[in-house]
C-alpha atoms as a PDB file:
ATOM      1  CA  MET A   1      24.858  27.285  15.071  1.00  0.00           C
ATOM      2  CA  ALA A   2      26.672  24.962  12.664  1.00  0.00           C
ATOM      3  CA  LYS A   3      28.268  26.594   9.673  1.00  0.00           C
ATOM      4  CA  LEU A   4      26.760  25.848   6.290  1.00  0.00           C
ATOM      5  CA  GLY A   5      28.966  23.886   3.913  1.00  0.00           C
ATOM      6  CA  LYS A   6      29.914  25.281   0.508  1.00  0.00           C
ATOM      7  CA  ARG A   7      27.550  22.861  -1.236  1.00  0.00           C
ATOM      8  CA  THR A   8      24.602  23.849   0.968  1.00  0.00           C
ATOM      9  CA  LYS A   9      25.307  27.570   0.512  1.00  0.00           C
ATOM     10  CA  ALA A  10      25.516  27.143  -3.268  1.00  0.00           C
ATOM     11  CA  ALA A  11      22.272  25.184  -3.369  1.00  0.00           C
ATOM     12  CA  ARG A  12      20.414  27.741  -1.273  1.00  0.00           C
ATOM     13  CA  ALA A  13      21.720  30.539  -3.478  1.00  0.00           C
ATOM     14  CA  ALA A  14      20.483  28.697  -6.590  1.00  0.00           C
ATOM     15  CA  PHE A  15      17.006  28.288  -5.078  1.00  0.00           C
ATOM     16  CA  GLU A  16      16.739  31.819  -3.680  1.00  0.00           C
ATOM     17  CA  GLY A  17      13.785  33.770  -5.058  1.00  0.00           C
ATOM     18  CA  LYS A  18      12.427  30.757  -6.915  1.00  0.00           C
ATOM     19  CA  SER A  19       8.832  29.769  -6.187  1.00  0.00           C
ATOM     20  CA  ASP A  20       5.803  28.470  -8.081  1.00  0.00           C
ATOM     21  CA  VAL A  21       8.014  27.431 -10.979  1.00  0.00           C
ATOM     22  CA  THR A  22       7.118  24.894 -13.669  1.00  0.00           C
ATOM     23  CA  VAL A  23       7.762  21.208 -13.131  1.00  0.00           C
ATOM     24  CA  GLU A  24      10.573  21.379 -15.679  1.00  0.00           C
ATOM     25  CA  GLU A  25      12.269  24.262 -13.857  1.00  0.00           C
ATOM     26  CA  ALA A  26      11.890  22.560 -10.484  1.00  0.00           C
ATOM     27  CA  VAL A  27      13.348  19.282 -11.743  1.00  0.00           C
ATOM     28  CA  ALA A  28      16.310  21.090 -13.312  1.00  0.00           C
ATOM     29  CA  LEU A  29      16.994  22.972 -10.046  1.00  0.00           C
ATOM     30  CA  VAL A  30      16.702  19.921  -7.802  1.00  0.00           C
ATOM     31  CA  LYS A  31      18.665  17.623 -10.090  1.00  0.00           C
ATOM     32  CA  GLY A  32      21.361  20.232 -10.711  1.00  0.00           C
ATOM     33  CA  ASN A  33      21.942  20.756  -7.005  1.00  0.00           C
ATOM     34  CA  ALA A  34      21.812  17.120  -5.865  1.00  0.00           C
ATOM     35  CA  LYS A  35      25.545  16.726  -5.318  1.00  0.00           C
ATOM     36  CA  ALA A  36      25.814  14.325  -2.412  1.00  0.00           C
ATOM     37  CA  LYS A  37      28.151  11.347  -2.697  1.00  0.00           C
ATOM     38  CA  PHE A  38      25.165   9.016  -3.168  1.00  0.00           C
ATOM     39  CA  ASP A  39      22.293   9.003  -5.666  1.00  0.00           C
ATOM     40  CA  GLU A  40      19.800  11.232  -3.894  1.00  0.00           C
ATOM     41  CA  THR A  41      16.079  10.496  -3.961  1.00  0.00           C
ATOM     42  CA  VAL A  42      13.898  13.174  -5.544  1.00  0.00           C
ATOM     43  CA  GLU A  43      11.005  13.757  -3.156  1.00  0.00           C
ATOM     44  CA  ILE A  44       7.647  15.418  -3.680  1.00  0.00           C
ATOM     45  CA  SER A  45       5.390  16.925  -1.036  1.00  0.00           C
ATOM     46  CA  LEU A  46       1.796  18.063  -1.543  1.00  0.00           C
ATOM     47  CA  ASN A  47      -0.194  20.179   0.917  1.00  0.00           C
ATOM     48  CA  LEU A  48      -3.870  19.351   0.465  1.00  0.00           C
ATOM     49  CA  GLY A  49      -6.970  21.163   1.647  1.00  0.00           C
ATOM     50  CA  VAL A  50      -8.266  18.175   3.607  1.00  0.00           C
ATOM     51  CA  ASP A  51      -8.545  17.020   7.210  1.00  0.00           C
ATOM     52  CA  PRO A  52      -7.786  13.276   7.149  1.00  0.00           C
ATOM     53  CA  ARG A  53      -9.317  12.873  10.618  1.00  0.00           C
ATOM     54  CA  HIS A  54     -12.670  12.874   8.806  1.00  0.00           C
ATOM     55  CA  ALA A  55     -13.407   9.697   6.844  1.00  0.00           C
ATOM     56  CA  ASP A  56     -14.784  11.621   3.847  1.00  0.00           C
ATOM     57  CA  GLN A  57     -11.579  13.669   3.583  1.00  0.00           C
ATOM     58  CA  MET A  58      -9.044  10.833   3.643  1.00  0.00           C
ATOM     59  CA  VAL A  59      -6.733  10.753   0.617  1.00  0.00           C
ATOM     60  CA  ARG A  60      -5.241   7.365  -0.171  1.00  0.00           C
ATOM     61  CA  GLY A  61      -4.190   5.610  -3.352  1.00  0.00           C
ATOM     62  CA  ASN A  62      -1.400   4.263  -5.480  1.00  0.00           C
ATOM     63  CA  VAL A  63       0.209   4.998  -8.811  1.00  0.00           C
ATOM     64  CA  THR A  64       2.676   3.183 -11.012  1.00  0.00           C
ATOM     65  CA  LEU A  65       5.220   5.797 -12.032  1.00  0.00           C
ATOM     66  CA  PRO A  66       6.045   5.631 -15.754  1.00  0.00           C
ATOM     67  CA  ASN A  67       9.780   5.506 -15.051  1.00  0.00           C
ATOM     68  CA  GLY A  68       9.819   3.690 -11.710  1.00  0.00           C
ATOM     69  CA  THR A  69      11.301   5.007  -8.480  1.00  0.00           C
ATOM     70  CA  GLY A  70      14.883   3.780  -8.864  1.00  0.00           C
ATOM     71  CA  LYS A  71      14.518   2.014  -5.537  1.00  0.00           C
ATOM     72  CA  ALA A  72      14.735  -1.744  -5.115  1.00  0.00           C
ATOM     73  CA  MET A  73      11.468  -2.563  -3.337  1.00  0.00           C
ATOM     74  CA  ARG A  74      11.576  -5.331  -0.727  1.00  0.00           C
ATOM     75  CA  VAL A  75       8.214  -7.090  -0.595  1.00  0.00           C
ATOM     76  CA  ALA A  76       6.762  -9.280   2.160  1.00  0.00           C
ATOM     77  CA  VAL A  77       3.691 -11.432   1.537  1.00  0.00           C
ATOM     78  CA  PHE A  78       1.393 -13.122   4.040  1.00  0.00           C
ATOM     79  CA  ALA A  79       0.127 -16.240   2.279  1.00  0.00           C
ATOM     80  CA  ARG A  80      -0.124 -20.007   2.548  1.00  0.00           C
ATOM     81  CA  GLY A  81       0.027 -22.961   0.176  1.00  0.00           C
ATOM     82  CA  ASP A  82      -0.353 -22.217  -3.535  1.00  0.00           C
ATOM     83  CA  LYS A  83      -0.607 -18.471  -2.902  1.00  0.00           C
ATOM     84  CA  ALA A  84       2.712 -18.548  -1.051  1.00  0.00           C
ATOM     85  CA  ASP A  85       4.261 -20.359  -4.022  1.00  0.00           C
ATOM     86  CA  GLU A  86       2.802 -17.735  -6.386  1.00  0.00           C
ATOM     87  CA  ALA A  87       4.271 -14.921  -4.298  1.00  0.00           C
ATOM     88  CA  LYS A  88       7.727 -16.510  -4.334  1.00  0.00           C
ATOM     89  CA  ALA A  89       7.522 -17.066  -8.088  1.00  0.00           C
ATOM     90  CA  ALA A  90       6.549 -13.401  -8.598  1.00  0.00           C
ATOM     91  CA  GLY A  91       9.680 -12.257  -6.750  1.00  0.00           C
ATOM     92  CA  ALA A  92       8.515 -11.625  -3.182  1.00  0.00           C
ATOM     93  CA  ASP A  93      11.467 -11.279  -0.806  1.00  0.00           C
ATOM     94  CA  ILE A  94       9.739 -12.697   2.279  1.00  0.00           C
ATOM     95  CA  VAL A  95       6.745 -15.061   2.372  1.00  0.00           C
ATOM     96  CA  GLY A  96       5.130 -16.496   5.481  1.00  0.00           C
ATOM     97  CA  ALA A  97       2.183 -16.681   7.847  1.00  0.00           C
ATOM     98  CA  GLU A  98       2.423 -17.054  11.641  1.00  0.00           C
ATOM     99  CA  ASP A  99       6.197 -17.241  11.351  1.00  0.00           C
ATOM    100  CA  LEU A 100       6.312 -13.889   9.565  1.00  0.00           C
ATOM    101  CA  MET A 101       3.984 -12.379  12.166  1.00  0.00           C
ATOM    102  CA  GLU A 102       6.310 -13.521  14.942  1.00  0.00           C
ATOM    103  CA  THR A 103       9.344 -12.095  13.135  1.00  0.00           C
ATOM    104  CA  ILE A 104       7.639  -8.705  12.860  1.00  0.00           C
ATOM    105  CA  GLN A 105       6.485  -8.817  16.489  1.00  0.00           C
ATOM    106  CA  ALA A 106      10.115  -9.425  17.470  1.00  0.00           C
ATOM    107  CA  GLY A 107      11.036  -6.130  15.799  1.00  0.00           C
ATOM    108  CA  THR A 108      12.482  -7.339  12.498  1.00  0.00           C
ATOM    109  CA  ILE A 109      10.916  -5.462   9.571  1.00  0.00           C
ATOM    110  CA  GLU A 110      13.040  -6.000   6.480  1.00  0.00           C
ATOM    111  CA  PHE A 111      10.575  -4.940   3.790  1.00  0.00           C
ATOM    112  CA  ASP A 112       9.127  -1.808   2.155  1.00  0.00           C
ATOM    113  CA  ARG A 113       5.728  -3.201   1.102  1.00  0.00           C
ATOM    114  CA  CYS A 114       3.474  -5.735   2.805  1.00  0.00           C
ATOM    115  CA  ILE A 115       0.876  -7.739   0.884  1.00  0.00           C
ATOM    116  CA  ALA A 116      -1.626 -10.271   2.232  1.00  0.00           C
ATOM    117  CA  THR A 117      -4.228 -12.651   0.884  1.00  0.00           C
ATOM    118  CA  PRO A 118      -7.676 -11.995   2.422  1.00  0.00           C
ATOM    119  CA  ASP A 119      -7.593 -15.176   4.541  1.00  0.00           C
ATOM    120  CA  MET A 120      -4.412 -13.934   6.250  1.00  0.00           C
ATOM    121  CA  MET A 121      -5.982 -10.763   7.665  1.00  0.00           C
ATOM    122  CA  PRO A 122      -6.859 -12.280  11.080  1.00  0.00           C
ATOM    123  CA  ILE A 123      -3.102 -12.796  11.532  1.00  0.00           C
ATOM    124  CA  VAL A 124      -2.046  -9.504   9.940  1.00  0.00           C
ATOM    125  CA  GLY A 125      -4.637  -7.627  12.014  1.00  0.00           C
ATOM    126  CA  ARG A 126      -2.617  -8.354  15.147  1.00  0.00           C
ATOM    127  CA  LEU A 127       0.217  -6.284  13.670  1.00  0.00           C
ATOM    128  CA  GLY A 128      -1.763  -3.073  13.222  1.00  0.00           C
ATOM    129  CA  LYS A 129       0.084  -1.153  15.937  1.00  0.00           C
ATOM    130  CA  ILE A 130       3.431  -2.093  14.384  1.00  0.00           C
ATOM    131  CA  LEU A 131       2.710  -1.840  10.658  1.00  0.00           C
ATOM    132  CA  GLY A 132       0.131   0.978  10.755  1.00  0.00           C
ATOM    133  CA  PRO A 133       2.427   3.813  11.901  1.00  0.00           C
ATOM    134  CA  ARG A 134       4.966   2.727   9.251  1.00  0.00           C
ATOM    135  CA  ASN A 135       2.326   2.854   6.507  1.00  0.00           C
ATOM    136  CA  LEU A 136       2.953  -0.853   5.864  1.00  0.00           C
ATOM    137  CA  MET A 137      -0.426  -2.280   6.859  1.00  0.00           C
ATOM    138  CA  PRO A 138      -2.027  -4.189   3.958  1.00  0.00           C
ATOM    139  CA  ASN A 139      -5.190  -2.484   2.726  1.00  0.00           C
ATOM    140  CA  PRO A 140      -7.670  -3.569   0.034  1.00  0.00           C
ATOM    141  CA  LYS A 141      -8.125   0.069  -1.080  1.00  0.00           C
ATOM    142  CA  VAL A 142      -4.564   0.158  -2.440  1.00  0.00           C
ATOM    143  CA  GLY A 143      -4.480  -3.427  -3.646  1.00  0.00           C
ATOM    144  CA  THR A 144      -2.295  -4.937  -0.924  1.00  0.00           C
ATOM    145  CA  VAL A 145      -5.032  -7.212   0.407  1.00  0.00           C
ATOM    146  CA  THR A 146      -5.763  -9.369  -2.601  1.00  0.00           C
ATOM    147  CA  PRO A 147      -5.969 -12.960  -3.813  1.00  0.00           C
ATOM    148  CA  ASP A 148      -3.909 -11.928  -6.858  1.00  0.00           C
ATOM    149  CA  VAL A 149      -0.534 -11.875  -5.142  1.00  0.00           C
ATOM    150  CA  THR A 150       1.309 -12.169  -8.451  1.00  0.00           C
ATOM    151  CA  ALA A 151      -0.108  -8.860  -9.708  1.00  0.00           C
ATOM    152  CA  ALA A 152       0.459  -7.129  -6.359  1.00  0.00           C
ATOM    153  CA  VAL A 153       4.094  -8.244  -6.097  1.00  0.00           C
ATOM    154  CA  THR A 154       4.758  -7.364  -9.730  1.00  0.00           C
ATOM    155  CA  ALA A 155       3.279  -3.884  -9.247  1.00  0.00           C
ATOM    156  CA  ALA A 156       5.319  -3.263  -6.099  1.00  0.00           C
ATOM    157  CA  LYS A 157       8.528  -4.359  -7.805  1.00  0.00           C
ATOM    158  CA  GLY A 158       7.703  -2.333 -10.921  1.00  0.00           C
ATOM    159  CA  GLY A 159       7.640   1.152  -9.404  1.00  0.00           C
ATOM    160  CA  GLU A 160       4.206   1.449  -7.838  1.00  0.00           C
ATOM    161  CA  VAL A 161       4.040   4.154  -5.175  1.00  0.00           C
ATOM    162  CA  GLN A 162       1.420   4.259  -2.423  1.00  0.00           C
ATOM    163  CA  PHE A 163       0.347   7.549  -0.896  1.00  0.00           C
ATOM    164  CA  LYS A 164      -1.714   8.567   2.107  1.00  0.00           C
ATOM    165  CA  ALA A 165      -2.511  11.967   3.587  1.00  0.00           C
ATOM    166  CA  GLU A 166      -0.967  12.538   7.002  1.00  0.00           C
ATOM    167  CA  LYS A 167      -2.618  14.440   9.849  1.00  0.00           C
ATOM    168  CA  ALA A 168      -1.878  17.873   8.436  1.00  0.00           C
ATOM    169  CA  GLY A 169      -3.160  16.921   4.978  1.00  0.00           C
ATOM    170  CA  VAL A 170       0.350  16.377   3.599  1.00  0.00           C
ATOM    171  CA  VAL A 171       1.168  13.672   1.050  1.00  0.00           C
ATOM    172  CA  HIS A 172       4.797  12.906   0.253  1.00  0.00           C
ATOM    173  CA  ALA A 173       6.728  10.284  -1.694  1.00  0.00           C
ATOM    174  CA  GLY A 174       9.958   9.542  -3.488  1.00  0.00           C
ATOM    175  CA  ILE A 175       9.378   9.817  -7.233  1.00  0.00           C
ATOM    176  CA  GLY A 176      12.800   8.948  -8.641  1.00  0.00           C
ATOM    177  CA  LYS A 177      16.532   9.418  -8.312  1.00  0.00           C
ATOM    178  CA  ALA A 178      18.694  12.443  -9.074  1.00  0.00           C
ATOM    179  CA  SER A 179      20.482  10.322 -11.698  1.00  0.00           C
ATOM    180  CA  PHE A 180      17.266  10.034 -13.757  1.00  0.00           C
ATOM    181  CA  ASP A 181      16.953  12.067 -16.952  1.00  0.00           C
ATOM    182  CA  GLU A 182      15.086  15.314 -16.387  1.00  0.00           C
ATOM    183  CA  ALA A 183      12.294  14.292 -18.770  1.00  0.00           C
ATOM    184  CA  LYS A 184      11.705  11.071 -16.797  1.00  0.00           C
ATOM    185  CA  LEU A 185      11.520  12.938 -13.511  1.00  0.00           C
ATOM    186  CA  VAL A 186       9.043  15.406 -15.030  1.00  0.00           C
ATOM    187  CA  GLU A 187       6.851  12.510 -16.183  1.00  0.00           C
ATOM    188  CA  ASN A 188       6.964  10.932 -12.736  1.00  0.00           C
ATOM    189  CA  VAL A 189       6.078  14.204 -10.980  1.00  0.00           C
ATOM    190  CA  ARG A 190       3.023  14.743 -13.173  1.00  0.00           C
ATOM    191  CA  ALA A 191       1.917  11.107 -12.916  1.00  0.00           C
ATOM    192  CA  PHE A 192       2.065  11.304  -9.125  1.00  0.00           C
ATOM    193  CA  CYS A 193       0.248  14.637  -8.917  1.00  0.00           C
ATOM    194  CA  ASP A 194      -2.435  13.478 -11.354  1.00  0.00           C
ATOM    195  CA  ALA A 195      -3.015  10.367  -9.212  1.00  0.00           C
ATOM    196  CA  VAL A 196      -3.412  12.491  -6.077  1.00  0.00           C
ATOM    197  CA  ALA A 197      -5.772  14.805  -7.978  1.00  0.00           C
ATOM    198  CA  ARG A 198      -7.907  11.812  -9.005  1.00  0.00           C
ATOM    199  CA  ALA A 199      -8.015  10.665  -5.382  1.00  0.00           C
ATOM    200  CA  LYS A 200      -9.772  13.863  -4.266  1.00  0.00           C
ATOM    201  CA  PRO A 201     -12.258  12.797  -1.585  1.00  0.00           C
ATOM    202  CA  SER A 202     -15.939  13.705  -1.569  1.00  0.00           C
ATOM    203  CA  GLY A 203     -15.563  15.752   1.617  1.00  0.00           C
ATOM    204  CA  ALA A 204     -12.840  18.067   0.278  1.00  0.00           C
ATOM    205  CA  LYS A 205     -14.064  21.668   0.172  1.00  0.00           C
ATOM    206  CA  GLY A 206     -12.506  24.716  -1.472  1.00  0.00           C
ATOM    207  CA  SER A 207      -8.967  24.520  -2.830  1.00  0.00           C
ATOM    208  CA  TYR A 208      -7.809  20.877  -2.873  1.00  0.00           C
ATOM    209  CA  MET A 209      -4.184  20.949  -3.993  1.00  0.00           C
ATOM    210  CA  LYS A 210      -2.730  23.963  -2.195  1.00  0.00           C
ATOM    211  CA  LYS A 211       1.011  23.559  -2.602  1.00  0.00           C
ATOM    212  CA  VAL A 212       3.449  21.256  -4.389  1.00  0.00           C
ATOM    213  CA  ALA A 213       7.157  21.176  -3.558  1.00  0.00           C
ATOM    214  CA  LEU A 214      10.116  19.216  -4.870  1.00  0.00           C
ATOM    215  CA  SER A 215      13.449  18.501  -3.194  1.00  0.00           C
ATOM    216  CA  SER A 216      16.255  15.976  -3.067  1.00  0.00           C
ATOM    217  CA  THR A 217      17.363  14.006  -0.011  1.00  0.00           C
ATOM    218  CA  MET A 218      20.023  16.529   1.000  1.00  0.00           C
ATOM    219  CA  GLY A 219      18.880  19.624  -0.852  1.00  0.00           C
ATOM    220  CA  PRO A 220      16.467  22.524  -0.305  1.00  0.00           C
ATOM    221  CA  GLY A 221      12.959  22.496  -1.734  1.00  0.00           C
ATOM    222  CA  VAL A 222      11.261  24.545  -4.420  1.00  0.00           C
ATOM    223  CA  SER A 223       7.519  25.108  -4.868  1.00  0.00           C
ATOM    224  CA  ILE A 224       5.858  24.186  -8.145  1.00  0.00           C
ATOM    225  CA  ALA A 225       2.875  25.947  -9.704  1.00  0.00           C
ATOM    226  CA  VAL A 226      -0.070  23.615  -9.133  1.00  0.00           C
ATOM    227  CA  ASP A 227      -1.369  23.892 -12.696  1.00  0.00           C
ATOM    228  CA  SER A 228       2.041  22.817 -14.013  1.00  0.00           C
ATOM    229  CA  ALA A 229       2.196  19.852 -11.628  1.00  0.00           C
ATOM    230  CA  THR A 230      -1.139  18.474 -12.768  1.00  0.00           C
ATOM    231  CA  GLY A 231      -0.454  18.458 -16.486  1.00  0.00           C
ATOM    232  CA  GLY A 232      -0.843  22.073 -17.510  1.00  0.00           C
ATOM    233  CA  SER A 233       2.075  24.487 -17.813  1.00  0.00           C
END
């Protein structure tokens, strides 16, 4: 077994015995122990009382974090003609149609968000097996299949985060950087959790939000009291 480094030991010691803390306490712990040589991402994970295999228990949505994510979002847009020009003007990094499809089919995926105008979906639909597992498939439910490419690109560049429950009912996302002020991270955590709470599906029974945890890229995690995460304290 590999020996733990001094930094890892110190972080684990700081987190020991801490659970179901307030958002403020969790942010202070995670931020204070994010000591890697790069600006670590602060990540949130929510365990939900849903089974996404059932259509009426799927959790999916998006939220624009009040303080952004700190990540430069690379955006690809499937569009033609005037809509392609609009996407470029809005700041899209990659714009195309069949040519973009072929690039993706060849294994080159140099973007974090994929947007498409409705008329492009016959082309985009061929990429389901490639984009779907990467959570990059455009979807009208989260605003990435839309004629308003300007708004979609602007939202993606401005700190909008998409979320989707995985098989075990887990939702996770990056909600900022360790270099953010604590107050800004707290705001982002609550905004994200409130958005997931609002996305509660009709088929969810019993306890919906079971566990919330916060961590940094290289650090341990700490659980947050659910009532603190969703606005109360």
